[in-house]
Amino acid sequence: MSQVDQTSESESEFLPAESQADVVTDHNHKLYIETVGCQMNMLDSELVVADLRKRGYELTRDVKEAETILFNTCSVREHAEHKIYSSLGRLRYGARKNPKKVIGVMGCMAQKDQNLIFQKAPQVDFVVGTGQLAQVASLIDKARVNHSQNVRSRELAVGLGRKDGKLAEITNSFQSYDPLRDPEMRPSPYQAL
């Protein structure tokens, strides 16, 4: 039995109710991740891998062995974009051959070109921007549920920046506004949202 199957009651209370019922566990928990671009992408990949390892995933260097395949992308260098599209193209046949494979693209290229990625690589299950990397695990689970029901859907989790995924911070910035800090009380076209 895998580590994910052995979720204790205390761990399962932290999962949303729909996650507890809808997680498909009949996959091999092998994860392949390809990272291109800057050092920030390396850090982002490490954070995503750490989260997935906590959920029972194991890294593999063999893309054919993995049932979860992630690409962390870069939009600064054109060569990096070509490399990702080339890798996605090689996976097209494998995704048809093994419908359990979940393929995700994350990073700044994913944020910039989400619709183009789905056009060029229809086998991609989800696209995640840099600000929504914490959603990768739930998007993988959702894709697995869709695959188990023979549904092919595409998920987008893309925002404008790294902090977009933190709604609490945005809400708190509005609630913490102190009019005494701005004694002149000038009108401003800007508002904390």
N, C-alpha and C. Protein backbone atom coordinates (compact mmCIF):
# COMPACT_ATOMS: atom_id res chain seq x y z
N MET A 1 0.84 -1.18 0.00
CA MET A 1 0.00 0.00 0.00
C MET A 1 0.89 1.25 0.00
N SER A 2 0.53 2.25 -0.78
CA SER A 2 1.36 3.45 -0.87
C SER A 2 1.14 4.36 0.33
N GLN A 3 2.04 5.34 0.44
CA GLN A 3 1.93 6.27 1.56
C GLN A 3 0.65 7.09 1.49
N VAL A 4 0.20 7.42 0.28
CA VAL A 4 -1.01 8.21 0.14
C VAL A 4 -2.23 7.43 0.61
N ASP A 5 -2.24 6.11 0.36
CA ASP A 5 -3.35 5.27 0.78
C ASP A 5 -3.45 5.16 2.30
N GLN A 6 -2.36 5.40 3.00
CA GLN A 6 -2.32 5.22 4.45
C GLN A 6 -2.52 6.54 5.18
N THR A 7 -3.36 7.42 4.65
CA THR A 7 -3.60 8.70 5.28
C THR A 7 -4.31 8.50 6.61
N SER A 8 -3.74 9.06 7.66
CA SER A 8 -4.35 8.93 8.98
C SER A 8 -5.51 9.91 9.11
N GLU A 9 -6.31 9.71 10.14
CA GLU A 9 -7.45 10.60 10.35
C GLU A 9 -6.98 12.03 10.57
N SER A 10 -5.88 12.21 11.31
CA SER A 10 -5.41 13.57 11.58
C SER A 10 -4.94 14.25 10.30
N GLU A 11 -4.35 13.50 9.36
CA GLU A 11 -3.92 14.09 8.10
C GLU A 11 -5.11 14.39 7.22
N SER A 12 -6.11 13.51 7.20
CA SER A 12 -7.24 13.69 6.30
C SER A 12 -8.12 14.86 6.71
N GLU A 13 -8.05 15.29 7.96
CA GLU A 13 -8.87 16.42 8.36
C GLU A 13 -8.38 17.71 7.72
N PHE A 14 -7.13 17.74 7.22
CA PHE A 14 -6.61 18.94 6.58
C PHE A 14 -6.95 18.99 5.10
N LEU A 15 -7.39 17.88 4.53
CA LEU A 15 -7.78 17.86 3.13
C LEU A 15 -9.22 18.35 3.02
N PRO A 16 -9.52 19.14 1.97
CA PRO A 16 -10.91 19.53 1.77
C PRO A 16 -11.77 18.29 1.53
N ALA A 17 -13.05 18.37 1.86
CA ALA A 17 -13.95 17.21 1.76
C ALA A 17 -13.95 16.61 0.37
N GLU A 18 -13.97 17.49 -0.68
CA GLU A 18 -14.00 16.94 -2.03
C GLU A 18 -12.69 16.22 -2.36
N SER A 19 -11.58 16.65 -1.78
CA SER A 19 -10.29 16.00 -2.03
C SER A 19 -10.27 14.61 -1.43
N GLN A 20 -10.85 14.44 -0.25
CA GLN A 20 -10.85 13.14 0.41
C GLN A 20 -11.59 12.11 -0.42
N ALA A 21 -12.69 12.50 -1.04
CA ALA A 21 -13.52 11.55 -1.78
C ALA A 21 -13.04 11.36 -3.21
N ASP A 22 -12.42 12.38 -3.79
CA ASP A 22 -12.14 12.35 -5.21
C ASP A 22 -10.69 12.02 -5.58
N VAL A 23 -9.85 11.68 -4.65
CA VAL A 23 -8.46 11.38 -4.98
C VAL A 23 -8.37 9.95 -5.50
N VAL A 24 -7.79 9.80 -6.68
CA VAL A 24 -7.61 8.49 -7.29
C VAL A 24 -6.22 8.00 -6.91
N THR A 25 -6.14 6.81 -6.34
CA THR A 25 -4.85 6.32 -5.84
C THR A 25 -4.30 5.13 -6.62
N ASP A 26 -4.87 4.82 -7.77
CA ASP A 26 -4.38 3.67 -8.52
C ASP A 26 -3.33 4.06 -9.57
N HIS A 27 -2.39 4.87 -9.17
CA HIS A 27 -1.28 5.23 -10.05
C HIS A 27 0.02 4.93 -9.32
N ASN A 28 1.13 5.02 -10.04
CA ASN A 28 2.39 4.55 -9.46
C ASN A 28 3.14 5.58 -8.62
N HIS A 29 2.63 6.78 -8.46
CA HIS A 29 3.26 7.83 -7.64
C HIS A 29 4.67 8.18 -8.10
N LYS A 30 4.98 7.91 -9.37
CA LYS A 30 6.28 8.29 -9.93
C LYS A 30 6.13 9.66 -10.57
N LEU A 31 7.04 10.55 -10.22
CA LEU A 31 7.00 11.93 -10.69
C LEU A 31 8.26 12.24 -11.49
N TYR A 32 8.06 12.81 -12.66
CA TYR A 32 9.16 13.30 -13.47
C TYR A 32 8.97 14.80 -13.60
N ILE A 33 10.03 15.57 -13.38
CA ILE A 33 9.93 17.02 -13.53
C ILE A 33 11.13 17.51 -14.32
N GLU A 34 10.85 18.37 -15.29
CA GLU A 34 11.90 18.97 -16.11
C GLU A 34 11.84 20.47 -15.88
N THR A 35 12.96 21.04 -15.50
CA THR A 35 13.03 22.46 -15.17
C THR A 35 13.98 23.16 -16.13
N VAL A 36 13.53 24.22 -16.75
CA VAL A 36 14.39 25.03 -17.61
C VAL A 36 14.32 26.47 -17.13
N GLY A 37 15.40 27.21 -17.36
CA GLY A 37 15.38 28.62 -17.03
C GLY A 37 16.23 29.00 -15.85
N CYS A 38 15.75 29.95 -15.10
CA CYS A 38 16.54 30.61 -14.07
C CYS A 38 16.57 29.83 -12.75
N GLN A 39 17.33 30.38 -11.81
CA GLN A 39 17.44 29.76 -10.49
C GLN A 39 16.12 29.78 -9.74
N MET A 40 15.29 30.76 -10.02
CA MET A 40 13.98 30.82 -9.37
C MET A 40 13.15 29.61 -9.77
N ASN A 41 13.27 29.19 -11.02
CA ASN A 41 12.56 27.99 -11.46
C ASN A 41 13.05 26.76 -10.72
N MET A 42 14.34 26.69 -10.46
CA MET A 42 14.89 25.56 -9.70
C MET A 42 14.25 25.53 -8.31
N LEU A 43 14.17 26.69 -7.67
CA LEU A 43 13.56 26.76 -6.34
C LEU A 43 12.09 26.37 -6.40
N ASP A 44 11.36 26.91 -7.38
CA ASP A 44 9.94 26.57 -7.51
C ASP A 44 9.75 25.07 -7.71
N SER A 45 10.59 24.46 -8.54
CA SER A 45 10.50 23.01 -8.76
C SER A 45 10.76 22.25 -7.47
N GLU A 46 11.76 22.67 -6.72
CA GLU A 46 12.08 22.00 -5.46
C GLU A 46 10.92 22.10 -4.48
N LEU A 47 10.26 23.25 -4.43
CA LEU A 47 9.12 23.42 -3.52
C LEU A 47 7.95 22.53 -3.93
N VAL A 48 7.67 22.44 -5.22
CA VAL A 48 6.59 21.59 -5.70
C VAL A 48 6.91 20.13 -5.43
N VAL A 49 8.15 19.72 -5.71
CA VAL A 49 8.56 18.33 -5.47
C VAL A 49 8.45 18.00 -3.99
N ALA A 50 8.87 18.91 -3.12
CA ALA A 50 8.78 18.67 -1.67
C ALA A 50 7.33 18.45 -1.25
N ASP A 51 6.43 19.26 -1.78
CA ASP A 51 5.01 19.09 -1.46
C ASP A 51 4.48 17.75 -1.96
N LEU A 52 4.86 17.37 -3.16
CA LEU A 52 4.38 16.10 -3.72
C LEU A 52 5.01 14.90 -3.01
N ARG A 53 6.24 15.04 -2.56
CA ARG A 53 6.87 13.94 -1.79
C ARG A 53 6.11 13.69 -0.49
N LYS A 54 5.65 14.76 0.13
CA LYS A 54 4.85 14.60 1.36
C LYS A 54 3.57 13.81 1.08
N ARG A 55 3.12 13.85 -0.15
CA ARG A 55 1.89 13.16 -0.56
C ARG A 55 2.17 11.78 -1.12
N GLY A 56 3.43 11.33 -1.00
CA GLY A 56 3.77 9.97 -1.40
C GLY A 56 4.40 9.81 -2.77
N TYR A 57 4.66 10.90 -3.46
CA TYR A 57 5.28 10.81 -4.78
C TYR A 57 6.78 10.54 -4.65
N GLU A 58 7.31 9.88 -5.67
CA GLU A 58 8.73 9.55 -5.72
C GLU A 58 9.28 10.03 -7.06
N LEU A 59 10.40 10.75 -7.01
CA LEU A 59 11.01 11.26 -8.24
C LEU A 59 11.62 10.13 -9.06
N THR A 60 11.53 10.26 -10.36
CA THR A 60 12.19 9.33 -11.27
C THR A 60 12.86 10.14 -12.38
N ARG A 61 13.94 9.59 -12.92
CA ARG A 61 14.63 10.24 -14.04
C ARG A 61 14.11 9.75 -15.38
N ASP A 62 13.26 8.75 -15.35
CA ASP A 62 12.74 8.14 -16.57
C ASP A 62 11.32 8.63 -16.82
N VAL A 63 11.15 9.46 -17.83
CA VAL A 63 9.84 10.03 -18.13
C VAL A 63 8.83 8.94 -18.50
N LYS A 64 9.29 7.83 -19.08
CA LYS A 64 8.39 6.75 -19.46
C LYS A 64 7.82 6.03 -18.24
N GLU A 65 8.56 6.03 -17.16
CA GLU A 65 8.15 5.35 -15.93
C GLU A 65 7.13 6.17 -15.13
N ALA A 66 7.18 7.49 -15.29
CA ALA A 66 6.35 8.39 -14.49
C ALA A 66 4.92 8.45 -15.00
N GLU A 67 3.99 8.57 -14.06
CA GLU A 67 2.60 8.82 -14.42
C GLU A 67 2.20 10.26 -14.14
N THR A 68 3.11 11.02 -13.52
CA THR A 68 2.90 12.45 -13.33
C THR A 68 4.13 13.15 -13.89
N ILE A 69 3.90 14.01 -14.86
CA ILE A 69 5.00 14.68 -15.56
C ILE A 69 4.76 16.18 -15.49
N LEU A 70 5.75 16.89 -14.96
CA LEU A 70 5.65 18.34 -14.83
C LEU A 70 6.80 19.02 -15.57
N PHE A 71 6.50 20.16 -16.16
CA PHE A 71 7.50 20.98 -16.81
C PHE A 71 7.45 22.36 -16.17
N ASN A 72 8.58 22.81 -15.64
CA ASN A 72 8.67 24.16 -15.09
C ASN A 72 9.39 24.99 -16.14
N THR A 73 8.73 26.02 -16.61
CA THR A 73 9.14 26.71 -17.83
C THR A 73 9.72 28.09 -17.60
N CYS A 74 10.33 28.59 -18.66
CA CYS A 74 10.95 29.92 -18.65
C CYS A 74 10.49 30.65 -19.90
N SER A 75 10.11 31.91 -19.76
CA SER A 75 9.71 32.67 -20.94
C SER A 75 10.77 33.69 -21.34
N VAL A 76 11.85 33.76 -20.61
CA VAL A 76 12.89 34.74 -20.90
C VAL A 76 13.74 34.30 -22.08
N ARG A 77 14.07 33.04 -22.13
CA ARG A 77 14.93 32.52 -23.20
C ARG A 77 14.10 31.70 -24.19
N GLU A 78 14.22 32.07 -25.45
CA GLU A 78 13.45 31.39 -26.49
C GLU A 78 13.84 29.92 -26.60
N HIS A 79 15.12 29.62 -26.39
CA HIS A 79 15.59 28.23 -26.45
C HIS A 79 14.85 27.37 -25.42
N ALA A 80 14.60 27.91 -24.25
CA ALA A 80 13.90 27.16 -23.20
C ALA A 80 12.48 26.84 -23.63
N GLU A 81 11.81 27.78 -24.29
CA GLU A 81 10.45 27.53 -24.78
C GLU A 81 10.44 26.41 -25.81
N HIS A 82 11.38 26.46 -26.75
CA HIS A 82 11.46 25.41 -27.78
C HIS A 82 11.72 24.05 -27.14
N LYS A 83 12.56 24.03 -26.13
CA LYS A 83 12.89 22.77 -25.46
C LYS A 83 11.63 22.16 -24.81
N ILE A 84 10.82 22.99 -24.17
CA ILE A 84 9.60 22.49 -23.52
C ILE A 84 8.61 21.98 -24.57
N TYR A 85 8.41 22.73 -25.64
CA TYR A 85 7.48 22.27 -26.68
C TYR A 85 7.96 20.98 -27.32
N SER A 86 9.26 20.84 -27.48
CA SER A 86 9.82 19.61 -28.02
C SER A 86 9.55 18.43 -27.08
N SER A 87 9.77 18.65 -25.79
CA SER A 87 9.52 17.59 -24.80
C SER A 87 8.04 17.22 -24.76
N LEU A 88 7.17 18.23 -24.83
CA LEU A 88 5.73 17.96 -24.84
C LEU A 88 5.32 17.19 -26.09
N GLY A 89 5.94 17.51 -27.21
CA GLY A 89 5.65 16.79 -28.45
C GLY A 89 6.01 15.32 -28.35
N ARG A 90 7.13 15.01 -27.71
CA ARG A 90 7.52 13.61 -27.53
C ARG A 90 6.55 12.86 -26.64
N LEU A 91 5.85 13.56 -25.77
CA LEU A 91 4.91 12.91 -24.85
C LEU A 91 3.53 12.66 -25.45
N ARG A 92 3.27 13.24 -26.59
CA ARG A 92 1.92 13.13 -27.17
C ARG A 92 1.50 11.68 -27.35
N TYR A 93 2.37 10.87 -27.93
CA TYR A 93 2.03 9.46 -28.15
C TYR A 93 1.92 8.72 -26.82
N GLY A 94 2.82 8.98 -25.90
CA GLY A 94 2.80 8.31 -24.60
C GLY A 94 1.54 8.61 -23.81
N ALA A 95 1.03 9.82 -23.94
CA ALA A 95 -0.20 10.19 -23.23
C ALA A 95 -1.40 9.44 -23.79
N ARG A 96 -1.41 9.22 -25.10
CA ARG A 96 -2.50 8.44 -25.70
C ARG A 96 -2.39 6.97 -25.31
N LYS A 97 -1.16 6.49 -25.25
CA LYS A 97 -0.91 5.08 -24.93
C LYS A 97 -1.25 4.77 -23.47
N ASN A 98 -0.95 5.71 -22.57
CA ASN A 98 -1.22 5.54 -21.15
C ASN A 98 -2.10 6.70 -20.67
N PRO A 99 -3.42 6.54 -20.66
CA PRO A 99 -4.30 7.64 -20.29
C PRO A 99 -4.21 8.03 -18.81
N LYS A 100 -3.50 7.26 -18.00
CA LYS A 100 -3.34 7.64 -16.59
C LYS A 100 -2.31 8.75 -16.40
N LYS A 101 -1.48 9.00 -17.41
CA LYS A 101 -0.45 10.04 -17.30
C LYS A 101 -1.10 11.40 -17.11
N VAL A 102 -0.58 12.14 -16.13
CA VAL A 102 -1.02 13.52 -15.90
C VAL A 102 0.15 14.41 -16.28
N ILE A 103 -0.10 15.38 -17.14
CA ILE A 103 0.94 16.27 -17.63
C ILE A 103 0.57 17.70 -17.27
N GLY A 104 1.50 18.39 -16.60
CA GLY A 104 1.28 19.77 -16.21
C GLY A 104 2.43 20.65 -16.62
N VAL A 105 2.12 21.89 -16.95
CA VAL A 105 3.13 22.89 -17.30
C VAL A 105 2.98 24.03 -16.32
N MET A 106 4.09 24.42 -15.71
CA MET A 106 4.04 25.50 -14.72
C MET A 106 5.16 26.49 -15.01
N GLY A 107 5.10 27.64 -14.37
CA GLY A 107 6.15 28.63 -14.53
C GLY A 107 5.73 29.84 -15.34
N CYS A 108 6.72 30.67 -15.68
CA CYS A 108 6.40 31.95 -16.32
C CYS A 108 5.96 31.79 -17.77
N MET A 109 6.49 30.81 -18.50
CA MET A 109 5.99 30.57 -19.86
C MET A 109 4.54 30.10 -19.81
N ALA A 110 4.23 29.26 -18.84
CA ALA A 110 2.86 28.78 -18.66
C ALA A 110 1.93 29.95 -18.36
N GLN A 111 2.42 30.88 -17.59
CA GLN A 111 1.63 32.05 -17.23
C GLN A 111 1.39 32.93 -18.45
N LYS A 112 2.41 33.07 -19.28
CA LYS A 112 2.34 33.95 -20.44
C LYS A 112 1.56 33.34 -21.60
N ASP A 113 1.73 32.04 -21.85
CA ASP A 113 1.20 31.41 -23.06
C ASP A 113 0.22 30.27 -22.78
N GLN A 114 -0.64 30.40 -21.78
CA GLN A 114 -1.48 29.27 -21.38
C GLN A 114 -2.31 28.71 -22.53
N ASN A 115 -2.96 29.53 -23.31
CA ASN A 115 -3.80 29.02 -24.40
C ASN A 115 -2.96 28.42 -25.52
N LEU A 116 -1.82 29.01 -25.80
CA LEU A 116 -0.92 28.48 -26.82
C LEU A 116 -0.40 27.10 -26.43
N ILE A 117 -0.13 26.90 -25.16
CA ILE A 117 0.34 25.59 -24.69
C ILE A 117 -0.74 24.54 -24.95
N PHE A 118 -1.99 24.83 -24.64
CA PHE A 118 -3.07 23.88 -24.88
C PHE A 118 -3.27 23.62 -26.38
N GLN A 119 -3.02 24.64 -27.22
CA GLN A 119 -3.13 24.46 -28.66
C GLN A 119 -2.03 23.54 -29.18
N LYS A 120 -0.79 23.83 -28.79
CA LYS A 120 0.35 23.07 -29.30
C LYS A 120 0.47 21.69 -28.66
N ALA A 121 -0.02 21.55 -27.45
CA ALA A 121 0.13 20.28 -26.72
C ALA A 121 -1.21 19.92 -26.06
N PRO A 122 -2.14 19.37 -26.83
CA PRO A 122 -3.46 19.06 -26.28
C PRO A 122 -3.45 17.99 -25.18
N GLN A 123 -2.34 17.28 -25.03
CA GLN A 123 -2.24 16.26 -23.98
C GLN A 123 -1.98 16.86 -22.60
N VAL A 124 -1.72 18.16 -22.52
CA VAL A 124 -1.48 18.83 -21.24
C VAL A 124 -2.79 18.92 -20.47
N ASP A 125 -2.73 18.53 -19.19
CA ASP A 125 -3.92 18.54 -18.34
C ASP A 125 -4.13 19.86 -17.63
N PHE A 126 -3.03 20.50 -17.23
CA PHE A 126 -3.19 21.77 -16.53
C PHE A 126 -1.99 22.67 -16.75
N VAL A 127 -2.24 23.98 -16.60
CA VAL A 127 -1.23 25.02 -16.71
C VAL A 127 -1.30 25.84 -15.44
N VAL A 128 -0.15 26.05 -14.82
CA VAL A 128 -0.10 26.75 -13.53
C VAL A 128 0.91 27.89 -13.61
N GLY A 129 0.47 29.09 -13.26
CA GLY A 129 1.37 30.23 -13.22
C GLY A 129 2.24 30.22 -11.98
N THR A 130 3.18 31.15 -11.93
CA THR A 130 4.14 31.17 -10.82
C THR A 130 3.49 31.47 -9.48
N GLY A 131 2.38 32.17 -9.47
CA GLY A 131 1.73 32.52 -8.22
C GLY A 131 0.80 31.45 -7.67
N GLN A 132 0.60 30.38 -8.42
CA GLN A 132 -0.34 29.35 -8.02
C GLN A 132 0.31 27.98 -7.87
N LEU A 133 1.59 27.93 -7.62
CA LEU A 133 2.30 26.65 -7.53
C LEU A 133 1.78 25.78 -6.39
N ALA A 134 1.20 26.37 -5.38
CA ALA A 134 0.64 25.59 -4.27
C ALA A 134 -0.57 24.77 -4.71
N GLN A 135 -1.13 25.06 -5.88
CA GLN A 135 -2.30 24.33 -6.38
C GLN A 135 -1.93 23.11 -7.21
N VAL A 136 -0.64 22.88 -7.45
CA VAL A 136 -0.22 21.78 -8.33
C VAL A 136 -0.77 20.44 -7.86
N ALA A 137 -0.64 20.11 -6.58
CA ALA A 137 -1.10 18.81 -6.08
C ALA A 137 -2.60 18.63 -6.29
N SER A 138 -3.39 19.66 -6.02
CA SER A 138 -4.84 19.52 -6.20
C SER A 138 -5.20 19.43 -7.68
N LEU A 139 -4.45 20.10 -8.55
CA LEU A 139 -4.71 19.98 -9.98
C LEU A 139 -4.35 18.60 -10.50
N ILE A 140 -3.30 18.00 -9.96
CA ILE A 140 -2.94 16.63 -10.32
C ILE A 140 -4.07 15.69 -9.91
N ASP A 141 -4.55 15.84 -8.67
CA ASP A 141 -5.64 14.99 -8.19
C ASP A 141 -6.89 15.15 -9.05
N LYS A 142 -7.21 16.39 -9.41
CA LYS A 142 -8.39 16.65 -10.23
C LYS A 142 -8.24 16.00 -11.61
N ALA A 143 -7.04 16.10 -12.19
CA ALA A 143 -6.80 15.47 -13.50
C ALA A 143 -6.94 13.95 -13.40
N ARG A 144 -6.47 13.36 -12.30
CA ARG A 144 -6.59 11.91 -12.12
C ARG A 144 -8.06 11.49 -12.04
N VAL A 145 -8.85 12.26 -11.31
CA VAL A 145 -10.28 11.96 -11.21
C VAL A 145 -10.91 12.05 -12.60
N ASN A 146 -10.58 13.10 -13.35
CA ASN A 146 -11.12 13.25 -14.70
C ASN A 146 -10.70 12.08 -15.59
N HIS A 147 -9.44 11.67 -15.50
CA HIS A 147 -8.96 10.54 -16.31
C HIS A 147 -9.72 9.26 -15.95
N SER A 148 -9.96 9.05 -14.65
CA SER A 148 -10.65 7.83 -14.21
C SER A 148 -12.10 7.79 -14.71
N GLN A 149 -12.65 8.96 -15.00
CA GLN A 149 -14.02 9.05 -15.51
C GLN A 149 -14.04 9.26 -17.03
N ASN A 150 -12.87 9.05 -17.66
CA ASN A 150 -12.71 9.24 -19.11
C ASN A 150 -13.13 10.64 -19.56
N VAL A 151 -12.82 11.62 -18.73
CA VAL A 151 -13.10 13.02 -19.06
C VAL A 151 -11.77 13.70 -19.28
N ARG A 152 -11.66 14.43 -20.36
CA ARG A 152 -10.43 15.17 -20.63
C ARG A 152 -10.75 16.64 -20.47
N SER A 153 -10.26 17.24 -19.41
CA SER A 153 -10.51 18.67 -19.22
C SER A 153 -9.17 19.36 -19.03
N ARG A 154 -9.17 20.63 -19.28
CA ARG A 154 -7.96 21.43 -19.14
C ARG A 154 -8.19 22.43 -18.02
N GLU A 155 -7.23 22.49 -17.13
CA GLU A 155 -7.36 23.38 -15.98
C GLU A 155 -6.33 24.49 -16.08
N LEU A 156 -6.77 25.70 -15.75
CA LEU A 156 -5.88 26.85 -15.70
C LEU A 156 -5.82 27.38 -14.28
N ALA A 157 -4.63 27.63 -13.82
CA ALA A 157 -4.44 28.31 -12.54
C ALA A 157 -3.35 29.34 -12.80
N VAL A 158 -3.75 30.44 -13.39
CA VAL A 158 -2.77 31.43 -13.84
C VAL A 158 -3.18 32.80 -13.33
N GLY A 159 -2.25 33.50 -12.72
CA GLY A 159 -2.47 34.86 -12.27
C GLY A 159 -1.41 35.76 -12.86
N LEU A 160 -1.39 36.98 -12.41
CA LEU A 160 -0.44 37.94 -12.96
C LEU A 160 0.92 37.93 -12.28
N GLY A 161 1.02 37.37 -11.10
CA GLY A 161 2.31 37.40 -10.42
C GLY A 161 2.42 36.37 -9.33
N ARG A 162 3.58 36.33 -8.71
CA ARG A 162 3.86 35.34 -7.68
C ARG A 162 2.95 35.48 -6.47
N LYS A 163 2.47 36.67 -6.18
CA LYS A 163 1.66 36.86 -4.98
C LYS A 163 0.17 36.78 -5.25
N ASP A 164 -0.23 36.55 -6.49
CA ASP A 164 -1.65 36.51 -6.82
C ASP A 164 -2.40 35.44 -6.06
N GLY A 165 -1.75 34.37 -5.72
CA GLY A 165 -2.42 33.26 -5.06
C GLY A 165 -2.70 33.49 -3.59
N LYS A 166 -2.36 34.65 -3.06
CA LYS A 166 -2.49 34.89 -1.63
C LYS A 166 -3.61 35.89 -1.36
N LEU A 167 -4.83 35.42 -1.47
CA LEU A 167 -6.00 36.26 -1.27
C LEU A 167 -6.03 36.86 0.13
N ALA A 168 -5.58 36.10 1.13
CA ALA A 168 -5.59 36.60 2.51
C ALA A 168 -4.74 37.85 2.64
N GLU A 169 -3.59 37.88 1.96
CA GLU A 169 -2.73 39.07 2.03
C GLU A 169 -3.42 40.28 1.43
N ILE A 170 -4.10 40.08 0.32
CA ILE A 170 -4.79 41.19 -0.33
C ILE A 170 -5.91 41.69 0.57
N THR A 171 -6.69 40.79 1.14
CA THR A 171 -7.77 41.16 2.04
C THR A 171 -7.22 41.88 3.27
N ASN A 172 -6.15 41.35 3.83
CA ASN A 172 -5.56 41.97 5.02
C ASN A 172 -5.01 43.35 4.72
N SER A 173 -4.49 43.58 3.52
CA SER A 173 -3.95 44.90 3.21
C SER A 173 -5.07 45.94 3.20
N PHE A 174 -6.26 45.55 2.76
CA PHE A 174 -7.38 46.46 2.76
C PHE A 174 -7.87 46.71 4.19
N GLN A 175 -7.98 45.65 4.99
CA GLN A 175 -8.48 45.78 6.35
C GLN A 175 -7.50 46.52 7.25
N SER A 176 -6.22 46.48 6.90
CA SER A 176 -5.23 47.10 7.78
C SER A 176 -4.96 48.56 7.41
N TYR A 177 -5.72 49.11 6.50
CA TYR A 177 -5.51 50.50 6.13
C TYR A 177 -5.80 51.39 7.34
N ASP A 178 -4.88 52.26 7.63
CA ASP A 178 -5.00 53.15 8.78
C ASP A 178 -5.01 54.59 8.29
N PRO A 179 -6.15 55.27 8.36
CA PRO A 179 -6.22 56.65 7.85
C PRO A 179 -5.30 57.60 8.60
N LEU A 180 -4.92 57.27 9.83
CA LEU A 180 -4.03 58.14 10.58
C LEU A 180 -2.62 58.16 10.01
N ARG A 181 -2.27 57.16 9.23
CA ARG A 181 -0.95 57.11 8.62
C ARG A 181 -0.84 58.09 7.46
N ASP A 182 -1.95 58.56 6.94
CA ASP A 182 -1.95 59.51 5.84
C ASP A 182 -2.72 60.75 6.29
N PRO A 183 -2.06 61.64 7.04
CA PRO A 183 -2.78 62.77 7.64
C PRO A 183 -3.40 63.71 6.61
N GLU A 184 -2.86 63.77 5.41
CA GLU A 184 -3.42 64.70 4.44
C GLU A 184 -4.70 64.17 3.81
N MET A 185 -4.89 62.87 3.83
CA MET A 185 -6.09 62.23 3.27
C MET A 185 -6.35 62.70 1.84
N ARG A 186 -5.32 62.64 1.02
CA ARG A 186 -5.47 63.04 -0.38
C ARG A 186 -6.29 61.98 -1.12
N PRO A 187 -7.09 62.39 -2.08
CA PRO A 187 -7.77 61.40 -2.90
C PRO A 187 -6.73 60.68 -3.78
N SER A 188 -6.97 59.43 -4.01
CA SER A 188 -6.03 58.64 -4.80
C SER A 188 -6.79 57.71 -5.73
N PRO A 189 -6.29 57.53 -6.94
CA PRO A 189 -6.95 56.59 -7.85
C PRO A 189 -6.64 55.13 -7.50
N TYR A 190 -5.73 54.90 -6.59
CA TYR A 190 -5.32 53.54 -6.24
C TYR A 190 -6.04 53.06 -5.00
N GLN A 191 -6.42 51.82 -5.01
CA GLN A 191 -7.11 51.24 -3.86
C GLN A 191 -6.60 49.82 -3.66
N ALA A 192 -6.38 49.46 -2.40
CA ALA A 192 -5.96 48.09 -2.10
C ALA A 192 -7.13 47.16 -2.33
N LEU A 193 -6.94 46.15 -3.15
CA LEU A 193 -8.01 45.19 -3.43
C LEU A 193 -7.76 43.91 -2.74
